[in-house]
PDB file of N, CA and C in Angstrom:
ATOM      1  N   MET A   1     -16.015 -82.417  -3.806  1.00  0.00           N
ATOM      2  CA  MET A   1     -15.426 -81.202  -3.642  1.00  0.00           C
ATOM      3  C   MET A   1     -16.156 -80.376  -2.455  1.00  0.00           C
ATOM      4  N   ALA A   2     -15.352 -79.500  -1.772  1.00  0.00           N
ATOM      5  CA  ALA A   2     -16.117 -78.929  -0.851  1.00  0.00           C
ATOM      6  C   ALA A   2     -16.700 -77.652  -1.029  1.00  0.00           C
ATOM      7  N   SER A   3     -18.074 -77.253  -0.534  1.00  0.00           N
ATOM      8  CA  SER A   3     -18.807 -76.269  -0.922  1.00  0.00           C
ATOM      9  C   SER A   3     -18.273 -75.030   0.201  1.00  0.00           C
ATOM     10  N   PRO A   4     -18.307 -73.712  -0.009  1.00  0.00           N
ATOM     11  CA  PRO A   4     -18.176 -72.778   0.735  1.00  0.00           C
ATOM     12  C   PRO A   4     -19.179 -72.757   1.810  1.00  0.00           C
ATOM     13  N   LEU A   5     -18.875 -72.120   2.927  1.00  0.00           N
ATOM     14  CA  LEU A   5     -19.683 -71.997   4.163  1.00  0.00           C
ATOM     15  C   LEU A   5     -20.455 -70.934   3.913  1.00  0.00           C
ATOM     16  N   PRO A   6     -21.911 -71.091   4.240  1.00  0.00           N
ATOM     17  CA  PRO A   6     -22.686 -69.844   4.177  1.00  0.00           C
ATOM     18  C   PRO A   6     -22.521 -68.832   5.256  1.00  0.00           C
ATOM     19  N   THR A   7     -22.454 -67.737   4.529  1.00  0.00           N
ATOM     20  CA  THR A   7     -22.494 -66.298   5.345  1.00  0.00           C
ATOM     21  C   THR A   7     -23.702 -65.471   5.682  1.00  0.00           C
ATOM     22  N   GLY A   8     -23.602 -64.943   6.611  1.00  0.00           N
ATOM     23  CA  GLY A   8     -24.569 -64.066   6.894  1.00  0.00           C
ATOM     24  C   GLY A   8     -24.849 -62.668   6.040  1.00  0.00           C
ATOM     25  N   LYS A   9     -23.819 -62.325   5.349  1.00  0.00           N
ATOM     26  CA  LYS A   9     -23.469 -61.150   4.895  1.00  0.00           C
ATOM     27  C   LYS A   9     -24.234 -61.193   3.353  1.00  0.00           C
ATOM     28  N   GLN A  10     -24.611 -59.965   3.060  1.00  0.00           N
ATOM     29  CA  GLN A  10     -25.220 -60.017   1.580  1.00  0.00           C
ATOM     30  C   GLN A  10     -24.199 -59.741   0.551  1.00  0.00           C
ATOM     31  N   SER A  11     -24.179 -60.072  -0.639  1.00  0.00           N
ATOM     32  CA  SER A  11     -23.119 -59.905  -1.796  1.00  0.00           C
ATOM     33  C   SER A  11     -23.157 -58.482  -1.984  1.00  0.00           C
ATOM     34  N   VAL A  12     -22.051 -58.078  -2.501  1.00  0.00           N
ATOM     35  CA  VAL A  12     -22.065 -56.811  -2.938  1.00  0.00           C
ATOM     36  C   VAL A  12     -22.475 -56.582  -4.453  1.00  0.00           C
ATOM     37  N   ASN A  13     -23.389 -55.747  -4.659  1.00  0.00           N
ATOM     38  CA  ASN A  13     -23.889 -55.492  -6.017  1.00  0.00           C
ATOM     39  C   ASN A  13     -22.570 -54.576  -7.017  1.00  0.00           C
ATOM     40  N   LEU A  14     -21.909 -54.939  -7.591  1.00  0.00           N
ATOM     41  CA  LEU A  14     -21.074 -53.991  -8.345  1.00  0.00           C
ATOM     42  C   LEU A  14     -21.493 -53.253  -9.663  1.00  0.00           C
ATOM     43  N   ALA A  15     -22.809 -53.576  -9.923  1.00  0.00           N
ATOM     44  CA  ALA A  15     -23.335 -53.175 -11.220  1.00  0.00           C
ATOM     45  C   ALA A  15     -24.209 -51.741 -10.943  1.00  0.00           C
ATOM     46  N   THR A  16     -24.408 -51.440  -9.410  1.00  0.00           N
ATOM     47  CA  THR A  16     -25.042 -50.221  -9.390  1.00  0.00           C
ATOM     48  C   THR A  16     -24.321 -48.846  -9.802  1.00  0.00           C
ATOM     49  N   GLN A  17     -24.958 -48.086 -10.127  1.00  0.00           N
ATOM     50  CA  GLN A  17     -24.486 -46.518 -10.676  1.00  0.00           C
ATOM     51  C   GLN A  17     -24.276 -45.791  -9.307  1.00  0.00           C
ATOM     52  N   GLY A  18     -23.114 -45.136  -9.617  1.00  0.00           N
ATOM     53  CA  GLY A  18     -22.948 -43.928  -8.477  1.00  0.00           C
ATOM     54  C   GLY A  18     -22.034 -44.286  -7.305  1.00  0.00           C
ATOM     55  N   ALA A  19     -21.828 -43.706  -6.492  1.00  0.00           N
ATOM     56  CA  ALA A  19     -21.093 -43.787  -5.135  1.00  0.00           C
ATOM     57  C   ALA A  19     -22.203 -43.930  -4.007  1.00  0.00           C
ATOM     58  N   ARG A  20     -21.961 -44.691  -3.091  1.00  0.00           N
ATOM     59  CA  ARG A  20     -22.803 -44.575  -1.904  1.00  0.00           C
ATOM     60  C   ARG A  20     -22.580 -43.590  -1.051  1.00  0.00           C
ATOM     61  N   VAL A  21     -23.564 -43.179  -0.530  1.00  0.00           N
ATOM     62  CA  VAL A  21     -23.357 -41.813   0.624  1.00  0.00           C
ATOM     63  C   VAL A  21     -22.881 -42.156   1.812  1.00  0.00           C
ATOM     64  N   SER A  22     -21.979 -41.649   2.108  1.00  0.00           N
ATOM     65  CA  SER A  22     -21.382 -42.083   3.288  1.00  0.00           C
ATOM     66  C   SER A  22     -22.263 -41.646   4.613  1.00  0.00           C
ATOM     67  N   LYS A  23     -22.173 -42.505   5.706  1.00  0.00           N
ATOM     68  CA  LYS A  23     -23.327 -42.297   6.621  1.00  0.00           C
ATOM     69  C   LYS A  23     -22.627 -41.653   8.105  1.00  0.00           C
ATOM     70  N   ILE A  24     -21.233 -41.290   7.675  1.00  0.00           N
ATOM     71  CA  ILE A  24     -20.484 -40.944   8.954  1.00  0.00           C
ATOM     72  C   ILE A  24     -20.823 -39.611   8.692  1.00  0.00           C
ATOM     73  N   ARG A  25     -21.029 -38.973   9.937  1.00  0.00           N
ATOM     74  CA  ARG A  25     -21.236 -37.377  10.234  1.00  0.00           C
ATOM     75  C   ARG A  25     -19.852 -36.796  10.455  1.00  0.00           C
ATOM     76  N   ARG A  26     -19.523 -35.636   9.835  1.00  0.00           N
ATOM     77  CA  ARG A  26     -18.378 -34.911   9.679  1.00  0.00           C
ATOM     78  C   ARG A  26     -18.643 -33.623   9.852  1.00  0.00           C
ATOM     79  N   ASP A  27     -17.586 -32.831  10.416  1.00  0.00           N
ATOM     80  CA  ASP A  27     -17.951 -31.271  10.538  1.00  0.00           C
ATOM     81  C   ASP A  27     -17.358 -30.856   9.049  1.00  0.00           C
ATOM     82  N   PRO A  28     -17.799 -29.745   8.593  1.00  0.00           N
ATOM     83  CA  PRO A  28     -17.548 -29.242   7.416  1.00  0.00           C
ATOM     84  C   PRO A  28     -16.119 -28.953   7.731  1.00  0.00           C
ATOM     85  N   PRO A  29     -15.259 -28.819   6.269  1.00  0.00           N
ATOM     86  CA  PRO A  29     -13.968 -28.456   6.235  1.00  0.00           C
ATOM     87  C   PRO A  29     -13.880 -26.995   6.654  1.00  0.00           C
ATOM     88  N   PRO A  30     -12.573 -26.753   7.381  1.00  0.00           N
ATOM     89  CA  PRO A  30     -12.495 -25.323   7.728  1.00  0.00           C
ATOM     90  C   PRO A  30     -12.347 -24.615   6.487  1.00  0.00           C
ATOM     91  N   PRO A  31     -12.979 -23.320   6.552  1.00  0.00           N
ATOM     92  CA  PRO A  31     -12.527 -22.296   5.530  1.00  0.00           C
ATOM     93  C   PRO A  31     -11.165 -22.057   5.183  1.00  0.00           C
ATOM     94  N   GLN A  32     -10.629 -21.881   4.007  1.00  0.00           N
ATOM     95  CA  GLN A  32      -9.489 -21.679   3.318  1.00  0.00           C
ATOM     96  C   GLN A  32      -8.951 -20.566   3.760  1.00  0.00           C
ATOM     97  N   LYS A  33      -7.927 -20.496   3.903  1.00  0.00           N
ATOM     98  CA  LYS A  33      -7.271 -19.174   4.486  1.00  0.00           C
ATOM     99  C   LYS A  33      -6.858 -18.398   3.098  1.00  0.00           C
ATOM    100  N   GLU A  34      -7.228 -17.173   3.189  1.00  0.00           N
ATOM    101  CA  GLU A  34      -7.059 -16.242   1.947  1.00  0.00           C
ATOM    102  C   GLU A  34      -5.521 -16.000   1.763  1.00  0.00           C
ATOM    103  N   LEU A  35      -4.745 -16.552   0.560  1.00  0.00           N
ATOM    104  CA  LEU A  35      -3.345 -16.388   0.051  1.00  0.00           C
ATOM    105  C   LEU A  35      -3.233 -14.937  -0.126  1.00  0.00           C
ATOM    106  N   VAL A  36      -2.249 -14.324   0.545  1.00  0.00           N
ATOM    107  CA  VAL A  36      -1.791 -12.944   0.318  1.00  0.00           C
ATOM    108  C   VAL A  36      -0.721 -13.070  -0.216  1.00  0.00           C
ATOM    109  N   LEU A  37      -0.694 -12.376  -1.513  1.00  0.00           N
ATOM    110  CA  LEU A  37       0.487 -12.282  -2.335  1.00  0.00           C
ATOM    111  C   LEU A  37       1.070 -10.838  -2.345  1.00  0.00           C
ATOM    112  N   ARG A  38       2.625 -10.972  -2.059  1.00  0.00           N
ATOM    113  CA  ARG A  38       3.259  -9.693  -2.119  1.00  0.00           C
ATOM    114  C   ARG A  38       3.553  -9.259  -3.361  1.00  0.00           C
ATOM    115  N   ASP A  39       3.703  -8.089  -3.451  1.00  0.00           N
ATOM    116  CA  ASP A  39       4.338  -7.291  -4.498  1.00  0.00           C
ATOM    117  C   ASP A  39       5.742  -7.814  -5.057  1.00  0.00           C
ATOM    118  N   PRO A  40       5.782  -8.566  -6.358  1.00  0.00           N
ATOM    119  CA  PRO A  40       7.316  -8.740  -6.644  1.00  0.00           C
ATOM    120  C   PRO A  40       8.417  -7.765  -6.415  1.00  0.00           C
ATOM    121  N   ALA A  41       8.051  -6.509  -6.508  1.00  0.00           N
ATOM    122  CA  ALA A  41       9.333  -5.457  -6.578  1.00  0.00           C
ATOM    123  C   ALA A  41       9.459  -5.344  -5.204  1.00  0.00           C
ATOM    124  N   GLU A  42       8.556  -5.494  -4.213  1.00  0.00           N
ATOM    125  CA  GLU A  42       8.686  -5.287  -2.706  1.00  0.00           C
ATOM    126  C   GLU A  42       9.529  -6.630  -2.212  1.00  0.00           C
ATOM    127  N   ARG A  43       9.140  -7.854  -2.568  1.00  0.00           N
ATOM    128  CA  ARG A  43       9.887  -9.004  -2.348  1.00  0.00           C
ATOM    129  C   ARG A  43      11.335  -9.086  -2.832  1.00  0.00           C
ATOM    130  N   ASP A  44      11.673  -8.289  -3.978  1.00  0.00           N
ATOM    131  CA  ASP A  44      12.834  -8.199  -4.721  1.00  0.00           C
ATOM    132  C   ASP A  44      13.717  -7.132  -3.537  1.00  0.00           C
ATOM    133  N   ARG A  45      13.190  -6.036  -3.119  1.00  0.00           N
ATOM    134  CA  ARG A  45      13.755  -4.981  -2.546  1.00  0.00           C
ATOM    135  C   ARG A  45      14.279  -5.785  -1.183  1.00  0.00           C
ATOM    136  N   VAL A  46      13.263  -6.569  -0.343  1.00  0.00           N
ATOM    137  CA  VAL A  46      13.703  -7.194   0.935  1.00  0.00           C
ATOM    138  C   VAL A  46      14.806  -8.234   0.745  1.00  0.00           C
ATOM    139  N   ALA A  47      14.879  -8.950  -0.506  1.00  0.00           N
ATOM    140  CA  ALA A  47      15.891  -9.793  -0.847  1.00  0.00           C
ATOM    141  C   ALA A  47      17.148  -9.196  -0.878  1.00  0.00           C
ATOM    142  N   VAL A  48      16.992  -8.270  -1.668  1.00  0.00           N
ATOM    143  CA  VAL A  48      18.499  -7.180  -1.689  1.00  0.00           C
ATOM    144  C   VAL A  48      19.007  -6.777  -0.632  1.00  0.00           C
ATOM    145  N   VAL A  49      18.029  -6.179   0.307  1.00  0.00           N
ATOM    146  CA  VAL A  49      18.597  -5.538   1.581  1.00  0.00           C
ATOM    147  C   VAL A  49      19.134  -6.670   2.537  1.00  0.00           C
ATOM    148  N   VAL A  50      18.548  -8.072   2.310  1.00  0.00           N
ATOM    149  CA  VAL A  50      19.024  -9.120   3.370  1.00  0.00           C
ATOM    150  C   VAL A  50      20.404  -9.595   2.662  1.00  0.00           C
ATOM    151  N   GLY A  51      20.349  -9.640   1.323  1.00  0.00           N
ATOM    152  CA  GLY A  51      21.962 -10.132   0.823  1.00  0.00           C
ATOM    153  C   GLY A  51      22.887  -9.203   1.134  1.00  0.00           C
ATOM    154  N   VAL A  52      22.783  -7.743   0.941  1.00  0.00           N
ATOM    155  CA  VAL A  52      23.683  -6.701   1.342  1.00  0.00           C
ATOM    156  C   VAL A  52      23.964  -7.127   2.770  1.00  0.00           C
ATOM    157  N   LEU A  53      23.159  -6.757   3.485  1.00  0.00           N
ATOM    158  CA  LEU A  53      23.508  -6.931   4.977  1.00  0.00           C
ATOM    159  C   LEU A  53      24.109  -8.207   5.415  1.00  0.00           C
ATOM    160  N   SER A  54      23.805  -9.356   4.845  1.00  0.00           N
ATOM    161  CA  SER A  54      24.614 -10.607   5.173  1.00  0.00           C
ATOM    162  C   SER A  54      25.990 -10.619   4.478  1.00  0.00           C
ATOM    163  N   PHE A  55      26.077 -10.061   3.540  1.00  0.00           N
ATOM    164  CA  PHE A  55      27.511  -9.800   2.921  1.00  0.00           C
ATOM    165  C   PHE A  55      28.348  -9.144   3.668  1.00  0.00           C
ATOM    166  N   ALA A  56      27.698  -7.791   3.981  1.00  0.00           N
ATOM    167  CA  ALA A  56      28.496  -6.935   5.036  1.00  0.00           C
ATOM    168  C   ALA A  56      28.871  -7.616   6.305  1.00  0.00           C
ATOM    169  N   LEU A  57      27.976  -8.156   6.660  1.00  0.00           N
ATOM    170  CA  LEU A  57      28.359  -8.922   8.233  1.00  0.00           C
ATOM    171  C   LEU A  57      29.475  -9.769   7.926  1.00  0.00           C
ATOM    172  N   ALA A  58      29.336 -10.621   6.919  1.00  0.00           N
ATOM    173  CA  ALA A  58      30.372 -11.571   6.756  1.00  0.00           C
ATOM    174  C   ALA A  58      31.746 -11.107   6.582  1.00  0.00           C
ATOM    175  N   ILE A  59      31.981  -9.788   5.875  1.00  0.00           N
ATOM    176  CA  ILE A  59      33.199  -9.211   5.767  1.00  0.00           C
ATOM    177  C   ILE A  59      33.669  -8.670   6.930  1.00  0.00           C
ATOM    178  N   VAL A  60      32.690  -8.140   7.862  1.00  0.00           N
ATOM    179  CA  VAL A  60      32.986  -7.649   9.220  1.00  0.00           C
ATOM    180  C   VAL A  60      33.662  -8.821   9.919  1.00  0.00           C
ATOM    181  N   VAL A  61      33.162 -10.010  10.118  1.00  0.00           N
ATOM    182  CA  VAL A  61      33.403 -10.963  10.671  1.00  0.00           C
ATOM    183  C   VAL A  61      34.796 -11.841  10.231  1.00  0.00           C
ATOM    184  N   ILE A  62      34.930 -11.531   8.861  1.00  0.00           N
ATOM    185  CA  ILE A  62      36.473 -12.107   8.638  1.00  0.00           C
ATOM    186  C   ILE A  62      37.621 -10.973   8.874  1.00  0.00           C
ATOM    187  N   ILE A  63      37.275  -9.576   8.910  1.00  0.00           N
ATOM    188  CA  ILE A  63      38.250  -8.628   9.231  1.00  0.00           C
ATOM    189  C   ILE A  63      38.394  -8.890  10.636  1.00  0.00           C
ATOM    190  N   VAL A  64      37.381  -9.022  11.559  1.00  0.00           N
ATOM    191  CA  VAL A  64      37.781  -9.282  12.719  1.00  0.00           C
ATOM    192  C   VAL A  64      38.496 -10.443  13.422  1.00  0.00           C
ATOM    193  N   ALA A  65      38.164 -11.395  12.491  1.00  0.00           N
ATOM    194  CA  ALA A  65      38.733 -12.848  12.903  1.00  0.00           C
ATOM    195  C   ALA A  65      40.197 -12.674  12.548  1.00  0.00           C
ATOM    196  N   PHE A  66      40.471 -12.053  11.452  1.00  0.00           N
ATOM    197  CA  PHE A  66      41.995 -11.997  10.881  1.00  0.00           C
ATOM    198  C   PHE A  66      42.696 -10.754  11.731  1.00  0.00           C
ATOM    199  N   GLY A  67      41.979  -9.863  12.291  1.00  0.00           N
ATOM    200  CA  GLY A  67      42.812  -8.950  13.068  1.00  0.00           C
ATOM    201  C   GLY A  67      43.059  -9.735  14.504  1.00  0.00           C
ATOM    202  N   SER A  68      42.062 -10.198  14.991  1.00  0.00           N
ATOM    203  CA  SER A  68      42.546 -11.395  16.373  1.00  0.00           C
ATOM    204  C   SER A  68      43.331 -12.267  16.117  1.00  0.00           C
ATOM    205  N   TYR A  69      43.438 -12.787  14.900  1.00  0.00           N
ATOM    206  CA  TYR A  69      44.343 -13.890  14.542  1.00  0.00           C
ATOM    207  C   TYR A  69      45.851 -13.219  14.742  1.00  0.00           C
ATOM    208  N   SER A  70      45.945 -12.001  13.875  1.00  0.00           N
ATOM    209  CA  SER A  70      47.356 -11.694  13.774  1.00  0.00           C
ATOM    210  C   SER A  70      47.560 -10.926  14.982  1.00  0.00           C
ATOM    211  N   GLY A  71      46.973 -10.817  15.951  1.00  0.00           N
ATOM    212  CA  GLY A  71      47.291 -10.052  17.315  1.00  0.00           C
ATOM    213  C   GLY A  71      47.021  -8.730  17.295  1.00  0.00           C
ATOM    214  N   PHE A  72      46.138  -8.033  16.432  1.00  0.00           N
ATOM    215  CA  PHE A  72      45.802  -6.713  16.262  1.00  0.00           C
ATOM    216  C   PHE A  72      45.131  -6.489  17.642  1.00  0.00           C
ATOM    217  N   ASN A  73      45.242  -5.446  18.267  1.00  0.00           N
ATOM    218  CA  ASN A  73      44.312  -4.976  19.458  1.00  0.00           C
ATOM    219  C   ASN A  73      44.147  -3.460  19.284  1.00  0.00           C
ATOM    220  N   PRO A  74      42.966  -2.972  19.341  1.00  0.00           N
ATOM    221  CA  PRO A  74      42.620  -1.553  19.187  1.00  0.00           C
ATOM    222  C   PRO A  74      43.181  -0.697  20.264  1.00  0.00           C
ATOM    223  N   ARG A  75      43.153  -1.321  21.562  1.00  0.00           N
ATOM    224  CA  ARG A  75      43.788  -0.502  22.444  1.00  0.00           C
ATOM    225  C   ARG A  75      45.182  -0.093  22.456  1.00  0.00           C
ATOM    226  N   GLU A  76      46.076  -0.763  21.716  1.00  0.00           N
ATOM    227  CA  GLU A  76      47.408  -0.425  21.504  1.00  0.00           C
ATOM    228  C   GLU A  76      47.642   0.954  20.698  1.00  0.00           C
ATOM    229  N   ILE A  77      46.570   1.127  19.740  1.00  0.00           N
ATOM    230  CA  ILE A  77      46.469   2.444  18.907  1.00  0.00           C
ATOM    231  C   ILE A  77      46.349   3.604  19.934  1.00  0.00           C
ATOM    232  N   VAL A  78      47.452   4.554  19.602  1.00  0.00           N
ATOM    233  CA  VAL A  78      47.337   5.990  20.509  1.00  0.00           C
ATOM    234  C   VAL A  78      47.127   7.160  19.265  1.00  0.00           C
ATOM    235  N   ILE A  79      46.212   7.712  19.303  1.00  0.00           N
ATOM    236  CA  ILE A  79      46.034   8.940  18.415  1.00  0.00           C
ATOM    237  C   ILE A  79      46.311  10.136  19.065  1.00  0.00           C
ATOM    238  N   ASP A  80      47.217  10.900  18.721  1.00  0.00           N
ATOM    239  CA  ASP A  80      47.458  12.481  19.362  1.00  0.00           C
ATOM    240  C   ASP A  80      46.908  13.410  18.293  1.00  0.00           C
ATOM    241  N   VAL A  81      45.889  14.213  18.924  1.00  0.00           N
ATOM    242  CA  VAL A  81      45.046  15.095  18.274  1.00  0.00           C
ATOM    243  C   VAL A  81      45.530  16.570  18.583  1.00  0.00           C
ATOM    244  N   LYS A  82      45.959  17.091  17.800  1.00  0.00           N
ATOM    245  CA  LYS A  82      46.679  18.518  18.060  1.00  0.00           C
ATOM    246  C   LYS A  82      45.662  19.558  17.506  1.00  0.00           C
ATOM    247  N   ASP A  83      45.453  20.664  18.258  1.00  0.00           N
ATOM    248  CA  ASP A  83      44.423  21.647  17.472  1.00  0.00           C
ATOM    249  C   ASP A  83      45.256  22.335  16.347  1.00  0.00           C
ATOM    250  N   ALA A  84      44.265  22.348  15.520  1.00  0.00           N
ATOM    251  CA  ALA A  84      45.012  23.092  14.248  1.00  0.00           C
ATOM    252  C   ALA A  84      44.419  24.478  14.462  1.00  0.00           C
ATOM    253  N   PRO A  85      45.236  25.295  13.901  1.00  0.00           N
ATOM    254  CA  PRO A  85      44.779  26.709  14.083  1.00  0.00           C
ATOM    255  C   PRO A  85      43.700  27.164  13.113  1.00  0.00           C
ATOM    256  N   ARG A  86      42.633  27.583  13.876  1.00  0.00           N
ATOM    257  CA  ARG A  86      41.552  28.310  12.935  1.00  0.00           C
ATOM    258  C   ARG A  86      41.623  29.286  12.383  1.00  0.00           C
ATOM    259  N   GLY A  87      40.745  29.159  10.976  1.00  0.00           N
ATOM    260  CA  GLY A  87      40.744  30.314  10.324  1.00  0.00           C
ATOM    261  C   GLY A  87      41.149  30.023   9.022  1.00  0.00           C
ATOM    262  N   GLY A  88      41.181  30.811   8.228  1.00  0.00           N
ATOM    263  CA  GLY A  88      41.752  30.566   6.663  1.00  0.00           C
ATOM    264  C   GLY A  88      43.316  30.872   6.568  1.00  0.00           C
ATOM    265  N   GLY A  89      43.926  29.735   6.175  1.00  0.00           N
ATOM    266  CA  GLY A  89      45.263  29.722   6.378  1.00  0.00           C
ATOM    267  C   GLY A  89      45.898  28.862   5.271  1.00  0.00           C
TER     268      GLY A  89
END
């Protein structure tokens, strides 16, 4: 039977306690940024405002799209304003 070739490396002793200290020099980790938590009530107010504005914008877009599809043109509208008599009457 063949015997293994001799190597120049030492065998690893797995019976030792504790981990070996790394000899690689490293920079210290950067400091953690402090997490700023906003007030939940303020966050809810902002969410409501964004929701209302986006819903209003969607309605305006739908109305304008329907108006242009149906051939509505605001330049075709003529409004005659007559001066009303002033005073109690």
